[in-house]
Amino acid sequence: MTLLYLELLNGALGQALILLVLILIRDFKKEFSNKGTRVQIPLAFFGLSIIVFSIKELYRYGPFDNIVDPVISELFEMLHLLLTLAAVFLLLGLKNR
């Protein structure tokens, strides 16, 4: 039962971070038109985060029903959150400049 609450909390934090990144991206409309490398790096981290999230969901709920290791699944989720956090902090650092 506790694992379900932790999983729900982890998912909610991940989605909140994605929403925060989307709001920050909206604030950077002018810089996106310039296509500078300063903005492309956080976007790359955010894109990798979405890819890792998709791989994690495929691994957990996909065709690997009998061989799903919860540790590997949680490592994918941790990597997803770390990449999203990196994108958030990089965008916040750009906003302060």
PDB file of N, CA and C in Angstrom:
ATOM      1  N   MET A   1       0.819  -1.190   0.000  1.00  0.00           N
ATOM      2  CA  MET A   1       0.000   0.000   0.000  1.00  0.00           C
ATOM      3  C   MET A   1       0.869   1.263   0.000  1.00  0.00           C
ATOM      4  N   THR A   2       1.932   1.253   0.779  1.00  0.00           N
ATOM      5  CA  THR A   2       2.830   2.397   0.841  1.00  0.00           C
ATOM      6  C   THR A   2       3.507   2.628  -0.501  1.00  0.00           C
ATOM      7  N   LEU A   3       3.842   1.537  -1.195  1.00  0.00           N
ATOM      8  CA  LEU A   3       4.474   1.665  -2.506  1.00  0.00           C
ATOM      9  C   LEU A   3       3.565   2.394  -3.491  1.00  0.00           C
ATOM     10  N   LEU A   4       2.261   2.146  -3.396  1.00  0.00           N
ATOM     11  CA  LEU A   4       1.330   2.834  -4.280  1.00  0.00           C
ATOM     12  C   LEU A   4       1.318   4.335  -4.018  1.00  0.00           C
ATOM     13  N   TYR A   5       1.359   4.731  -2.754  1.00  0.00           N
ATOM     14  CA  TYR A   5       1.394   6.151  -2.426  1.00  0.00           C
ATOM     15  C   TYR A   5       2.693   6.806  -2.895  1.00  0.00           C
ATOM     16  N   LEU A   6       3.801   6.086  -2.728  1.00  0.00           N
ATOM     17  CA  LEU A   6       5.076   6.618  -3.194  1.00  0.00           C
ATOM     18  C   LEU A   6       5.098   6.755  -4.710  1.00  0.00           C
ATOM     19  N   GLU A   7       4.530   5.785  -5.376  1.00  0.00           N
ATOM     20  CA  GLU A   7       4.475   5.841  -6.835  1.00  0.00           C
ATOM     21  C   GLU A   7       3.582   6.988  -7.300  1.00  0.00           C
ATOM     22  N   LEU A   8       2.477   7.202  -6.603  1.00  0.00           N
ATOM     23  CA  LEU A   8       1.587   8.314  -6.932  1.00  0.00           C
ATOM     24  C   LEU A   8       2.287   9.648  -6.690  1.00  0.00           C
ATOM     25  N   LEU A   9       3.013   9.764  -5.593  1.00  0.00           N
ATOM     26  CA  LEU A   9       3.748  10.981  -5.293  1.00  0.00           C
ATOM     27  C   LEU A   9       4.837  11.235  -6.336  1.00  0.00           C
ATOM     28  N   ASN A  10       5.552  10.194  -6.709  1.00  0.00           N
ATOM     29  CA  ASN A  10       6.611  10.312  -7.705  1.00  0.00           C
ATOM     30  C   ASN A  10       6.040  10.756  -9.055  1.00  0.00           C
ATOM     31  N   GLY A  11       4.925  10.190  -9.433  1.00  0.00           N
ATOM     32  CA  GLY A  11       4.275  10.581 -10.686  1.00  0.00           C
ATOM     33  C   GLY A  11       3.770  12.011 -10.653  1.00  0.00           C
ATOM     34  N   ALA A  12       3.205  12.415  -9.524  1.00  0.00           N
ATOM     35  CA  ALA A  12       2.703  13.783  -9.402  1.00  0.00           C
ATOM     36  C   ALA A  12       3.846  14.789  -9.455  1.00  0.00           C
ATOM     37  N   LEU A  13       4.958  14.479  -8.815  1.00  0.00           N
ATOM     38  CA  LEU A  13       6.118  15.369  -8.870  1.00  0.00           C
ATOM     39  C   LEU A  13       6.657  15.483 -10.291  1.00  0.00           C
ATOM     40  N   GLY A  14       6.701  14.361 -10.981  1.00  0.00           N
ATOM     41  CA  GLY A  14       7.175  14.376 -12.364  1.00  0.00           C
ATOM     42  C   GLY A  14       6.283  15.213 -13.254  1.00  0.00           C
ATOM     43  N   GLN A  15       4.988  15.073 -13.107  1.00  0.00           N
ATOM     44  CA  GLN A  15       4.066  15.850 -13.935  1.00  0.00           C
ATOM     45  C   GLN A  15       4.114  17.327 -13.572  1.00  0.00           C
ATOM     46  N   ALA A  16       4.285  17.642 -12.295  1.00  0.00           N
ATOM     47  CA  ALA A  16       4.415  19.046 -11.890  1.00  0.00           C
ATOM     48  C   ALA A  16       5.666  19.664 -12.493  1.00  0.00           C
ATOM     49  N   LEU A  17       6.757  18.894 -12.541  1.00  0.00           N
ATOM     50  CA  LEU A  17       7.977  19.408 -13.154  1.00  0.00           C
ATOM     51  C   LEU A  17       7.798  19.637 -14.650  1.00  0.00           C
ATOM     52  N   ILE A  18       7.084  18.745 -15.307  1.00  0.00           N
ATOM     53  CA  ILE A  18       6.833  18.922 -16.733  1.00  0.00           C
ATOM     54  C   ILE A  18       6.001  20.183 -16.973  1.00  0.00           C
ATOM     55  N   LEU A  19       4.988  20.414 -16.141  1.00  0.00           N
ATOM     56  CA  LEU A  19       4.196  21.628 -16.275  1.00  0.00           C
ATOM     57  C   LEU A  19       5.040  22.876 -16.032  1.00  0.00           C
ATOM     58  N   LEU A  20       5.941  22.814 -15.061  1.00  0.00           N
ATOM     59  CA  LEU A  20       6.817  23.947 -14.790  1.00  0.00           C
ATOM     60  C   LEU A  20       7.724  24.234 -15.983  1.00  0.00           C
ATOM     61  N   VAL A  21       8.250  23.189 -16.588  1.00  0.00           N
ATOM     62  CA  VAL A  21       9.097  23.379 -17.768  1.00  0.00           C
ATOM     63  C   VAL A  21       8.281  23.973 -18.910  1.00  0.00           C
ATOM     64  N   LEU A  22       7.061  23.514 -19.099  1.00  0.00           N
ATOM     65  CA  LEU A  22       6.235  24.064 -20.171  1.00  0.00           C
ATOM     66  C   LEU A  22       5.930  25.544 -19.943  1.00  0.00           C
ATOM     67  N   ILE A  23       5.712  25.937 -18.694  1.00  0.00           N
ATOM     68  CA  ILE A  23       5.481  27.348 -18.382  1.00  0.00           C
ATOM     69  C   ILE A  23       6.736  28.162 -18.648  1.00  0.00           C
ATOM     70  N   LEU A  24       7.896  27.622 -18.274  1.00  0.00           N
ATOM     71  CA  LEU A  24       9.146  28.334 -18.543  1.00  0.00           C
ATOM     72  C   LEU A  24       9.407  28.451 -20.040  1.00  0.00           C
ATOM     73  N   ILE A  25       9.058  27.407 -20.793  1.00  0.00           N
ATOM     74  CA  ILE A  25       9.231  27.457 -22.243  1.00  0.00           C
ATOM     75  C   ILE A  25       8.357  28.558 -22.839  1.00  0.00           C
ATOM     76  N   ARG A  26       7.167  28.714 -22.316  1.00  0.00           N
ATOM     77  CA  ARG A  26       6.282  29.775 -22.798  1.00  0.00           C
ATOM     78  C   ARG A  26       6.900  31.155 -22.557  1.00  0.00           C
ATOM     79  N   ASP A  27       7.617  31.308 -21.448  1.00  0.00           N
ATOM     80  CA  ASP A  27       8.255  32.580 -21.141  1.00  0.00           C
ATOM     81  C   ASP A  27       9.442  32.888 -22.051  1.00  0.00           C
ATOM     82  N   PHE A  28       9.973  31.887 -22.716  1.00  0.00           N
ATOM     83  CA  PHE A  28      11.162  32.064 -23.545  1.00  0.00           C
ATOM     84  C   PHE A  28      10.846  32.107 -25.036  1.00  0.00           C
ATOM     85  N   LYS A  29       9.677  32.551 -25.417  1.00  0.00           N
ATOM     86  CA  LYS A  29       9.297  32.548 -26.840  1.00  0.00           C
ATOM     87  C   LYS A  29      10.275  33.335 -27.706  1.00  0.00           C
ATOM     88  N   LYS A  30      10.737  34.479 -27.228  1.00  0.00           N
ATOM     89  CA  LYS A  30      11.658  35.297 -28.025  1.00  0.00           C
ATOM     90  C   LYS A  30      12.984  34.575 -28.237  1.00  0.00           C
ATOM     91  N   GLU A  31      13.493  33.955 -27.188  1.00  0.00           N
ATOM     92  CA  GLU A  31      14.787  33.288 -27.315  1.00  0.00           C
ATOM     93  C   GLU A  31      14.697  32.038 -28.182  1.00  0.00           C
ATOM     94  N   PHE A  32      13.525  31.417 -28.256  1.00  0.00           N
ATOM     95  CA  PHE A  32      13.385  30.242 -29.108  1.00  0.00           C
ATOM     96  C   PHE A  32      13.451  30.625 -30.582  1.00  0.00           C
ATOM     97  N   SER A  33      12.995  31.824 -30.905  1.00  0.00           N
ATOM     98  CA  SER A  33      13.068  32.252 -32.304  1.00  0.00           C
ATOM     99  C   SER A  33      14.511  32.518 -32.722  1.00  0.00           C
ATOM    100  N   ASN A  34      15.382  32.872 -31.768  1.00  0.00           N
ATOM    101  CA  ASN A  34      16.799  33.080 -32.076  1.00  0.00           C
ATOM    102  C   ASN A  34      17.534  31.757 -32.269  1.00  0.00           C
ATOM    103  N   LYS A  35      17.035  30.690 -31.694  1.00  0.00           N
ATOM    104  CA  LYS A  35      17.599  29.340 -31.807  1.00  0.00           C
ATOM    105  C   LYS A  35      19.053  29.289 -31.341  1.00  0.00           C
ATOM    106  N   GLY A  36      19.331  29.953 -30.252  1.00  0.00           N
ATOM    107  CA  GLY A  36      20.672  29.915 -29.687  1.00  0.00           C
ATOM    108  C   GLY A  36      20.919  28.607 -28.955  1.00  0.00           C
ATOM    109  N   THR A  37      22.175  28.299 -28.750  1.00  0.00           N
ATOM    110  CA  THR A  37      22.510  27.044 -28.061  1.00  0.00           C
ATOM    111  C   THR A  37      22.175  27.101 -26.587  1.00  0.00           C
ATOM    112  N   ARG A  38      22.033  28.304 -26.030  1.00  0.00           N
ATOM    113  CA  ARG A  38      21.696  28.406 -24.605  1.00  0.00           C
ATOM    114  C   ARG A  38      20.321  27.798 -24.318  1.00  0.00           C
ATOM    115  N   VAL A  39      19.413  27.906 -25.251  1.00  0.00           N
ATOM    116  CA  VAL A  39      18.063  27.396 -25.047  1.00  0.00           C
ATOM    117  C   VAL A  39      17.950  25.948 -25.503  1.00  0.00           C
ATOM    118  N   GLN A  40      18.764  25.536 -26.441  1.00  0.00           N
ATOM    119  CA  GLN A  40      18.660  24.187 -26.977  1.00  0.00           C
ATOM    120  C   GLN A  40      19.071  23.123 -25.971  1.00  0.00           C
ATOM    121  N   ILE A  41      19.994  23.429 -25.071  1.00  0.00           N
ATOM    122  CA  ILE A  41      20.446  22.431 -24.102  1.00  0.00           C
ATOM    123  C   ILE A  41      19.330  22.054 -23.130  1.00  0.00           C
ATOM    124  N   PRO A  42      18.616  23.019 -22.514  1.00  0.00           N
ATOM    125  CA  PRO A  42      17.493  22.609 -21.655  1.00  0.00           C
ATOM    126  C   PRO A  42      16.405  21.866 -22.423  1.00  0.00           C
ATOM    127  N   LEU A  43      16.169  22.268 -23.660  1.00  0.00           N
ATOM    128  CA  LEU A  43      15.166  21.560 -24.461  1.00  0.00           C
ATOM    129  C   LEU A  43      15.599  20.132 -24.764  1.00  0.00           C
ATOM    130  N   ALA A  44      16.892  19.933 -24.948  1.00  0.00           N
ATOM    131  CA  ALA A  44      17.396  18.569 -25.168  1.00  0.00           C
ATOM    132  C   ALA A  44      17.200  17.717 -23.923  1.00  0.00           C
ATOM    133  N   PHE A  45      17.469  18.290 -22.753  1.00  0.00           N
ATOM    134  CA  PHE A  45      17.239  17.551 -21.510  1.00  0.00           C
ATOM    135  C   PHE A  45      15.759  17.219 -21.342  1.00  0.00           C
ATOM    136  N   PHE A  46      14.897  18.175 -21.678  1.00  0.00           N
ATOM    137  CA  PHE A  46      13.464  17.934 -21.555  1.00  0.00           C
ATOM    138  C   PHE A  46      13.002  16.863 -22.543  1.00  0.00           C
ATOM    139  N   GLY A  47      13.528  16.894 -23.768  1.00  0.00           N
ATOM    140  CA  GLY A  47      13.179  15.861 -24.747  1.00  0.00           C
ATOM    141  C   GLY A  47      13.669  14.482 -24.322  1.00  0.00           C
ATOM    142  N   LEU A  48      14.893  14.412 -23.782  1.00  0.00           N
ATOM    143  CA  LEU A  48      15.398  13.134 -23.265  1.00  0.00           C
ATOM    144  C   LEU A  48      14.553  12.635 -22.102  1.00  0.00           C
ATOM    145  N   SER A  49      14.087  13.568 -21.282  1.00  0.00           N
ATOM    146  CA  SER A  49      13.234  13.197 -20.159  1.00  0.00           C
ATOM    147  C   SER A  49      11.944  12.534 -20.636  1.00  0.00           C
ATOM    148  N   ILE A  50      11.354  13.083 -21.682  1.00  0.00           N
ATOM    149  CA  ILE A  50      10.115  12.505 -22.225  1.00  0.00           C
ATOM    150  C   ILE A  50      10.389  11.129 -22.824  1.00  0.00           C
ATOM    151  N   ILE A  51      11.519  10.974 -23.492  1.00  0.00           N
ATOM    152  CA  ILE A  51      11.880   9.682 -24.072  1.00  0.00           C
ATOM    153  C   ILE A  51      12.094   8.635 -22.983  1.00  0.00           C
ATOM    154  N   VAL A  52      12.815   9.017 -21.912  1.00  0.00           N
ATOM    155  CA  VAL A  52      13.053   8.075 -20.810  1.00  0.00           C
ATOM    156  C   VAL A  52      11.741   7.709 -20.133  1.00  0.00           C
ATOM    157  N   PHE A  53      10.828   8.686 -19.979  1.00  0.00           N
ATOM    158  CA  PHE A  53       9.524   8.398 -19.389  1.00  0.00           C
ATOM    159  C   PHE A  53       8.756   7.394 -20.246  1.00  0.00           C
ATOM    160  N   SER A  54       8.813   7.560 -21.558  1.00  0.00           N
ATOM    161  CA  SER A  54       8.119   6.631 -22.458  1.00  0.00           C
ATOM    162  C   SER A  54       8.722   5.228 -22.378  1.00  0.00           C
ATOM    163  N   ILE A  55      10.038   5.149 -22.314  1.00  0.00           N
ATOM    164  CA  ILE A  55      10.705   3.846 -22.193  1.00  0.00           C
ATOM    165  C   ILE A  55      10.322   3.170 -20.877  1.00  0.00           C
ATOM    166  N   LYS A  56      10.271   3.961 -19.804  1.00  0.00           N
ATOM    167  CA  LYS A  56       9.892   3.408 -18.498  1.00  0.00           C
ATOM    168  C   LYS A  56       8.476   2.843 -18.524  1.00  0.00           C
ATOM    169  N   GLU A  57       7.557   3.595 -19.112  1.00  0.00           N
ATOM    170  CA  GLU A  57       6.177   3.123 -19.178  1.00  0.00           C
ATOM    171  C   GLU A  57       6.062   1.881 -20.059  1.00  0.00           C
ATOM    172  N   LEU A  58       6.796   1.839 -21.154  1.00  0.00           N
ATOM    173  CA  LEU A  58       6.794   0.651 -22.006  1.00  0.00           C
ATOM    174  C   LEU A  58       7.378  -0.536 -21.259  1.00  0.00           C
ATOM    175  N   TYR A  59       8.444  -0.304 -20.516  1.00  0.00           N
ATOM    176  CA  TYR A  59       9.071  -1.388 -19.755  1.00  0.00           C
ATOM    177  C   TYR A  59       8.129  -1.909 -18.668  1.00  0.00           C
ATOM    178  N   ARG A  60       7.462  -0.976 -17.978  1.00  0.00           N
ATOM    179  CA  ARG A  60       6.611  -1.381 -16.856  1.00  0.00           C
ATOM    180  C   ARG A  60       5.312  -2.033 -17.319  1.00  0.00           C
ATOM    181  N   TYR A  61       4.664  -1.451 -18.319  1.00  0.00           N
ATOM    182  CA  TYR A  61       3.334  -1.922 -18.709  1.00  0.00           C
ATOM    183  C   TYR A  61       3.302  -2.566 -20.094  1.00  0.00           C
ATOM    184  N   GLY A  62       4.451  -2.726 -20.711  1.00  0.00           N
ATOM    185  CA  GLY A  62       4.512  -3.254 -22.069  1.00  0.00           C
ATOM    186  C   GLY A  62       4.549  -4.767 -22.113  1.00  0.00           C
ATOM    187  N   PRO A  63       5.213  -5.304 -23.102  1.00  0.00           N
ATOM    188  CA  PRO A  63       5.207  -6.759 -23.318  1.00  0.00           C
ATOM    189  C   PRO A  63       6.100  -7.540 -22.348  1.00  0.00           C
ATOM    190  N   PHE A  64       6.729  -6.861 -21.379  1.00  0.00           N
ATOM    191  CA  PHE A  64       7.645  -7.528 -20.467  1.00  0.00           C
ATOM    192  C   PHE A  64       6.983  -7.864 -19.133  1.00  0.00           C
ATOM    193  N   ASP A  65       5.754  -8.319 -19.143  1.00  0.00           N
ATOM    194  CA  ASP A  65       4.991  -8.528 -17.911  1.00  0.00           C
ATOM    195  C   ASP A  65       5.685  -9.465 -16.926  1.00  0.00           C
ATOM    196  N   ASN A  66       6.305 -10.505 -17.403  1.00  0.00           N
ATOM    197  CA  ASN A  66       6.862 -11.504 -16.491  1.00  0.00           C
ATOM    198  C   ASN A  66       8.257 -11.164 -15.988  1.00  0.00           C
ATOM    199  N   ILE A  67       8.963 -10.270 -16.672  1.00  0.00           N
ATOM    200  CA  ILE A  67      10.352 -10.032 -16.297  1.00  0.00           C
ATOM    201  C   ILE A  67      10.609  -8.589 -15.856  1.00  0.00           C
ATOM    202  N   VAL A  68       9.588  -7.864 -15.428  1.00  0.00           N
ATOM    203  CA  VAL A  68       9.760  -6.478 -15.007  1.00  0.00           C
ATOM    204  C   VAL A  68      10.427  -6.445 -13.643  1.00  0.00           C
ATOM    205  N   ASP A  69      11.566  -5.772 -13.580  1.00  0.00           N
ATOM    206  CA  ASP A  69      12.281  -5.595 -12.323  1.00  0.00           C
ATOM    207  C   ASP A  69      11.920  -4.215 -11.768  1.00  0.00           C
ATOM    208  N   PRO A  70      11.349  -4.148 -10.568  1.00  0.00           N
ATOM    209  CA  PRO A  70      10.939  -2.843 -10.040  1.00  0.00           C
ATOM    210  C   PRO A  70      12.110  -1.881  -9.829  1.00  0.00           C
ATOM    211  N   VAL A  71      13.289  -2.406  -9.572  1.00  0.00           N
ATOM    212  CA  VAL A  71      14.452  -1.544  -9.370  1.00  0.00           C
ATOM    213  C   VAL A  71      14.807  -0.824 -10.667  1.00  0.00           C
ATOM    214  N   ILE A  72      14.809  -1.541 -11.774  1.00  0.00           N
ATOM    215  CA  ILE A  72      15.116  -0.924 -13.069  1.00  0.00           C
ATOM    216  C   ILE A  72      14.036   0.092 -13.431  1.00  0.00           C
ATOM    217  N   SER A  73      12.802  -0.234 -13.142  1.00  0.00           N
ATOM    218  CA  SER A  73      11.708   0.685 -13.416  1.00  0.00           C
ATOM    219  C   SER A  73      11.856   1.977 -12.620  1.00  0.00           C
ATOM    220  N   GLU A  74      12.219   1.861 -11.344  1.00  0.00           N
ATOM    221  CA  GLU A  74      12.413   3.055 -10.521  1.00  0.00           C
ATOM    222  C   GLU A  74      13.649   3.839 -10.954  1.00  0.00           C
ATOM    223  N   LEU A  75      14.678   3.155 -11.449  1.00  0.00           N
ATOM    224  CA  LEU A  75      15.853   3.863 -11.963  1.00  0.00           C
ATOM    225  C   LEU A  75      15.504   4.679 -13.203  1.00  0.00           C
ATOM    226  N   PHE A  76      14.655   4.120 -14.071  1.00  0.00           N
ATOM    227  CA  PHE A  76      14.173   4.883 -15.221  1.00  0.00           C
ATOM    228  C   PHE A  76      13.409   6.120 -14.757  1.00  0.00           C
ATOM    229  N   GLU A  77      12.573   5.943 -13.742  1.00  0.00           N
ATOM    230  CA  GLU A  77      11.791   7.073 -13.243  1.00  0.00           C
ATOM    231  C   GLU A  77      12.694   8.128 -12.603  1.00  0.00           C
ATOM    232  N   MET A  78      13.724   7.692 -11.892  1.00  0.00           N
ATOM    233  CA  MET A  78      14.657   8.639 -11.290  1.00  0.00           C
ATOM    234  C   MET A  78      15.411   9.410 -12.370  1.00  0.00           C
ATOM    235  N   LEU A  79      15.819   8.720 -13.420  1.00  0.00           N
ATOM    236  CA  LEU A  79      16.509   9.386 -14.520  1.00  0.00           C
ATOM    237  C   LEU A  79      15.595  10.404 -15.190  1.00  0.00           C
ATOM    238  N   HIS A  80      14.325  10.039 -15.346  1.00  0.00           N
ATOM    239  CA  HIS A  80      13.340  10.961 -15.920  1.00  0.00           C
ATOM    240  C   HIS A  80      13.230  12.222 -15.071  1.00  0.00           C
ATOM    241  N   LEU A  81      13.123  12.063 -13.760  1.00  0.00           N
ATOM    242  CA  LEU A  81      12.998  13.217 -12.887  1.00  0.00           C
ATOM    243  C   LEU A  81      14.279  14.058 -12.862  1.00  0.00           C
ATOM    244  N   LEU A  82      15.438  13.418 -12.885  1.00  0.00           N
ATOM    245  CA  LEU A  82      16.703  14.156 -12.886  1.00  0.00           C
ATOM    246  C   LEU A  82      16.869  14.983 -14.167  1.00  0.00           C
ATOM    247  N   LEU A  83      16.496  14.401 -15.302  1.00  0.00           N
ATOM    248  CA  LEU A  83      16.581  15.143 -16.563  1.00  0.00           C
ATOM    249  C   LEU A  83      15.614  16.328 -16.580  1.00  0.00           C
ATOM    250  N   THR A  84      14.422  16.119 -16.026  1.00  0.00           N
ATOM    251  CA  THR A  84      13.454  17.204 -15.966  1.00  0.00           C
ATOM    252  C   THR A  84      13.941  18.301 -15.024  1.00  0.00           C
ATOM    253  N   LEU A  85      14.508  17.904 -13.880  1.00  0.00           N
ATOM    254  CA  LEU A  85      15.064  18.897 -12.955  1.00  0.00           C
ATOM    255  C   LEU A  85      16.207  19.669 -13.594  1.00  0.00           C
ATOM    256  N   ALA A  86      17.048  18.985 -14.346  1.00  0.00           N
ATOM    257  CA  ALA A  86      18.149  19.662 -15.032  1.00  0.00           C
ATOM    258  C   ALA A  86      17.605  20.691 -16.018  1.00  0.00           C
ATOM    259  N   ALA A  87      16.561  20.324 -16.749  1.00  0.00           N
ATOM    260  CA  ALA A  87      15.958  21.273 -17.692  1.00  0.00           C
ATOM    261  C   ALA A  87      15.366  22.473 -16.961  1.00  0.00           C
ATOM    262  N   VAL A  88      14.701  22.227 -15.842  1.00  0.00           N
ATOM    263  CA  VAL A  88      14.099  23.321 -15.067  1.00  0.00           C
ATOM    264  C   VAL A  88      15.177  24.274 -14.568  1.00  0.00           C
ATOM    265  N   PHE A  89      16.215  23.735 -13.950  1.00  0.00           N
ATOM    266  CA  PHE A  89      17.248  24.605 -13.391  1.00  0.00           C
ATOM    267  C   PHE A  89      18.041  25.332 -14.470  1.00  0.00           C
ATOM    268  N   LEU A  90      18.257  24.698 -15.601  1.00  0.00           N
ATOM    269  CA  LEU A  90      18.934  25.389 -16.701  1.00  0.00           C
ATOM    270  C   LEU A  90      18.074  26.528 -17.256  1.00  0.00           C
ATOM    271  N   LEU A  91      16.775  26.273 -17.379  1.00  0.00           N
ATOM    272  CA  LEU A  91      15.888  27.346 -17.850  1.00  0.00           C
ATOM    273  C   LEU A  91      15.778  28.472 -16.833  1.00  0.00           C
ATOM    274  N   LEU A  92      15.730  28.130 -15.551  1.00  0.00           N
ATOM    275  CA  LEU A  92      15.692  29.172 -14.534  1.00  0.00           C
ATOM    276  C   LEU A  92      16.996  29.967 -14.515  1.00  0.00           C
ATOM    277  N   GLY A  93      18.104  29.300 -14.753  1.00  0.00           N
ATOM    278  CA  GLY A  93      19.379  30.008 -14.835  1.00  0.00           C
ATOM    279  C   GLY A  93      19.432  30.947 -16.020  1.00  0.00           C
ATOM    280  N   LEU A  94      18.824  30.545 -17.133  1.00  0.00           N
ATOM    281  CA  LEU A  94      18.781  31.421 -18.302  1.00  0.00           C
ATOM    282  C   LEU A  94      17.875  32.624 -18.062  1.00  0.00           C
ATOM    283  N   LYS A  95      16.818  32.399 -17.297  1.00  0.00           N
ATOM    284  CA  LYS A  95      15.878  33.476 -17.039  1.00  0.00           C
ATOM    285  C   LYS A  95      16.511  34.563 -16.166  1.00  0.00           C
ATOM    286  N   ASN A  96      17.418  34.174 -15.270  1.00  0.00           N
ATOM    287  CA  ASN A  96      18.065  35.138 -14.384  1.00  0.00           C
ATOM    288  C   ASN A  96      19.119  35.971 -15.105  1.00  0.00           C
ATOM    289  N   ARG A  97      19.595  35.532 -16.245  1.00  0.00           N
ATOM    290  CA  ARG A  97      20.636  36.279 -16.976  1.00  0.00           C
ATOM    291  C   ARG A  97      20.080  37.476 -17.668  1.00  0.00           C
TER     292      ARG A  97
END
